[in-house]
Amino acid sequence: MSAAKGPAIISAILHDYLSQDSVIEDVFGSPARLYDYAPEDPIYPYLSYGTVRSEDRSGDDIEILSHTVTLHIWSRYSGRAEIVDLLASLSDRLEAIPKTQGDHRIAGLNILYTDVFRARDNRTQHGLIRLSVQTETLEMETNP
């Protein structure tokens, strides 16, 4: 499998799951505010998708992609309490993602690290989650 397909695969898996999760809707609104690019005047809090890196780790008989994904959370709450709670909620939901997503299986998902800091505007809290995800392509049965 080509690693060039990796960002599309993992982005679709994460977005489909997160946008349909009731806990995510509770914290990021309904519909959940999940953006590739945030609008000019967003409603806070929201999540934006960051960098995605995919590598082909396939073996002889199995197609495996290894992905590194960065998710950003943005809050205008005056302290860190909201961003810390949002990071915890998102981490819990990511760890609960079903292993089968369409024609792919999540073979492994690890949160590599989280970080919280104040954005350049000195008003916005910025949370970051870096994930490592391994996906396998499921063999589709064909009917003769």
Protein backbone atom coordinates (compact mmCIF):
# COMPACT_ATOMS: atom_id res chain seq x y z
CA MET A 1 0.00 0.00 0.00
CA SER A 2 1.21 3.47 -0.73
CA ALA A 3 1.87 5.78 2.20
CA ALA A 4 0.41 8.55 0.02
CA LYS A 5 -3.07 7.21 0.86
CA GLY A 6 -2.32 7.26 4.58
CA PRO A 7 -3.36 10.82 5.46
CA ALA A 8 -6.73 10.36 3.75
CA ILE A 9 -7.31 7.02 5.48
CA ILE A 10 -6.48 8.13 9.03
CA SER A 11 -8.17 11.53 8.63
CA ALA A 12 -11.40 9.87 7.52
CA ILE A 13 -11.26 7.33 10.36
CA LEU A 14 -10.72 9.99 13.02
CA HIS A 15 -13.20 12.52 11.64
CA ASP A 16 -15.96 9.96 11.10
CA TYR A 17 -15.56 8.66 14.63
CA LEU A 18 -15.16 11.99 16.43
CA SER A 19 -17.98 13.75 14.55
CA GLN A 20 -20.46 11.01 15.57
CA ASP A 21 -19.40 10.62 19.20
CA SER A 22 -21.89 12.00 21.75
CA VAL A 23 -19.19 12.86 24.31
CA ILE A 24 -17.30 14.88 21.68
CA GLU A 25 -20.54 16.67 20.80
CA ASP A 26 -21.05 17.46 24.49
CA VAL A 27 -17.71 19.25 24.72
CA PHE A 28 -17.33 20.67 21.18
CA GLY A 29 -20.98 21.43 20.37
CA SER A 30 -23.55 19.80 18.14
CA PRO A 31 -22.52 19.34 15.44
CA ALA A 32 -19.03 19.08 16.89
CA ARG A 33 -16.71 21.94 15.96
CA LEU A 34 -13.99 19.88 14.23
CA TYR A 35 -12.06 21.81 11.59
CA ASP A 36 -9.29 21.37 9.06
CA TYR A 37 -9.13 25.17 9.06
CA ALA A 38 -11.02 27.10 11.71
CA PRO A 39 -13.37 29.84 10.57
CA GLU A 40 -12.21 33.43 10.95
CA ASP A 41 -14.33 34.01 14.07
CA PRO A 42 -14.75 30.53 15.61
CA ILE A 43 -16.90 29.52 18.54
CA TYR A 44 -14.73 28.13 21.32
CA PRO A 45 -13.81 25.49 22.27
CA TYR A 46 -13.02 23.67 19.04
CA LEU A 47 -10.68 21.04 17.65
CA SER A 48 -8.53 21.44 14.57
CA TYR A 49 -6.63 18.75 12.72
CA GLY A 50 -2.89 19.25 12.47
CA THR A 51 -0.11 17.44 10.71
CA VAL A 52 -0.47 13.85 9.54
CA ARG A 53 2.49 11.68 8.64
CA SER A 54 2.05 8.16 7.25
CA GLU A 55 4.59 5.43 6.57
CA ASP A 56 4.13 2.10 4.83
CA ARG A 57 5.01 -0.72 7.24
CA SER A 58 3.48 -3.53 5.20
CA GLY A 59 4.71 -7.08 5.46
CA ASP A 60 4.47 -9.99 3.05
CA ASP A 61 0.77 -10.66 3.49
CA ILE A 62 -0.57 -7.63 5.31
CA GLU A 63 -0.91 -3.95 4.46
CA ILE A 64 -0.01 -1.78 7.45
CA LEU A 65 0.31 1.99 7.66
CA SER A 66 1.84 3.78 10.61
CA HIS A 67 0.47 7.30 11.19
CA THR A 68 1.52 10.17 13.41
CA VAL A 69 -1.33 12.64 13.89
CA THR A 70 -1.51 15.95 15.76
CA LEU A 71 -4.83 17.25 17.08
CA HIS A 72 -5.18 20.82 18.40
CA ILE A 73 -7.76 22.02 20.91
CA TRP A 74 -8.49 25.71 21.34
CA SER A 75 -10.23 27.39 24.29
CA ARG A 76 -10.86 30.95 25.42
CA TYR A 77 -11.59 29.97 29.00
CA SER A 78 -9.48 32.26 31.19
CA GLY A 79 -7.54 29.46 32.88
CA ARG A 80 -6.25 26.04 31.97
CA ALA A 81 -9.09 24.08 33.57
CA GLU A 82 -11.22 23.81 30.42
CA ILE A 83 -8.35 22.85 28.11
CA VAL A 84 -7.12 20.20 30.57
CA ASP A 85 -10.65 18.75 30.82
CA LEU A 86 -11.01 18.80 27.02
CA LEU A 87 -7.69 16.98 26.58
CA ALA A 88 -8.79 14.33 29.08
CA SER A 89 -12.18 13.85 27.37
CA LEU A 90 -10.62 13.63 23.92
CA SER A 91 -7.95 11.20 25.15
CA ASP A 92 -10.61 8.95 26.68
CA ARG A 93 -12.66 8.96 23.46
CA LEU A 94 -9.63 8.21 21.28
CA GLU A 95 -8.73 5.25 23.45
CA ALA A 96 -12.31 3.95 23.03
CA ILE A 97 -12.34 4.13 19.22
CA PRO A 98 -13.72 0.91 17.70
CA LYS A 99 -10.99 -1.22 16.16
CA THR A 100 -12.78 -1.70 12.84
CA GLN A 101 -13.47 1.41 10.78
CA GLY A 102 -14.78 0.74 7.28
CA ASP A 103 -12.28 -1.42 5.41
CA HIS A 104 -9.49 -0.73 7.92
CA ARG A 105 -8.63 -2.04 11.35
CA ILE A 106 -6.82 -0.04 13.98
CA ALA A 107 -4.02 -2.33 15.07
CA GLY A 108 -2.68 0.14 17.62
CA LEU A 109 -3.38 3.63 18.92
CA ASN A 110 -1.12 5.36 21.42
CA ILE A 111 -1.18 8.89 22.74
CA LEU A 112 2.45 9.92 22.51
CA TYR A 113 2.07 13.16 24.43
CA THR A 114 -0.18 16.05 25.34
CA ASP A 115 0.75 19.67 25.90
CA VAL A 116 -1.00 22.82 27.08
CA PHE A 117 0.19 26.36 26.45
CA ARG A 118 -1.06 29.87 25.82
CA ALA A 119 -1.37 30.92 22.17
CA ARG A 120 0.37 34.00 20.76
CA ASP A 121 -2.69 36.20 21.28
CA ASN A 122 -2.23 35.66 25.05
CA ARG A 123 -6.01 34.99 25.38
CA THR A 124 -6.38 31.53 23.89
CA GLN A 125 -5.38 28.28 25.56
CA HIS A 126 -3.95 25.71 23.13
CA GLY A 127 -3.97 22.00 23.85
CA LEU A 128 -2.17 19.47 21.72
CA ILE A 129 -2.41 15.69 21.39
CA ARG A 130 0.06 13.68 19.33
CA LEU A 131 -1.09 10.19 18.34
CA SER A 132 0.60 7.17 16.87
CA VAL A 133 -1.88 4.97 15.00
CA GLN A 134 -1.29 1.77 13.05
CA THR A 135 -3.93 0.69 10.54
CA GLU A 136 -4.33 -2.54 8.60
CA THR A 137 -6.32 -2.94 5.43
CA LEU A 138 -8.99 -5.59 5.85
CA GLU A 139 -9.29 -8.16 3.11
CA MET A 140 -12.64 -7.86 1.46
CA GLU A 141 -14.33 -11.15 0.68
CA THR A 142 -15.31 -11.49 -2.92
CA ASN A 143 -18.28 -13.50 -4.10
CA PRO A 144 -17.63 -15.60 -7.22
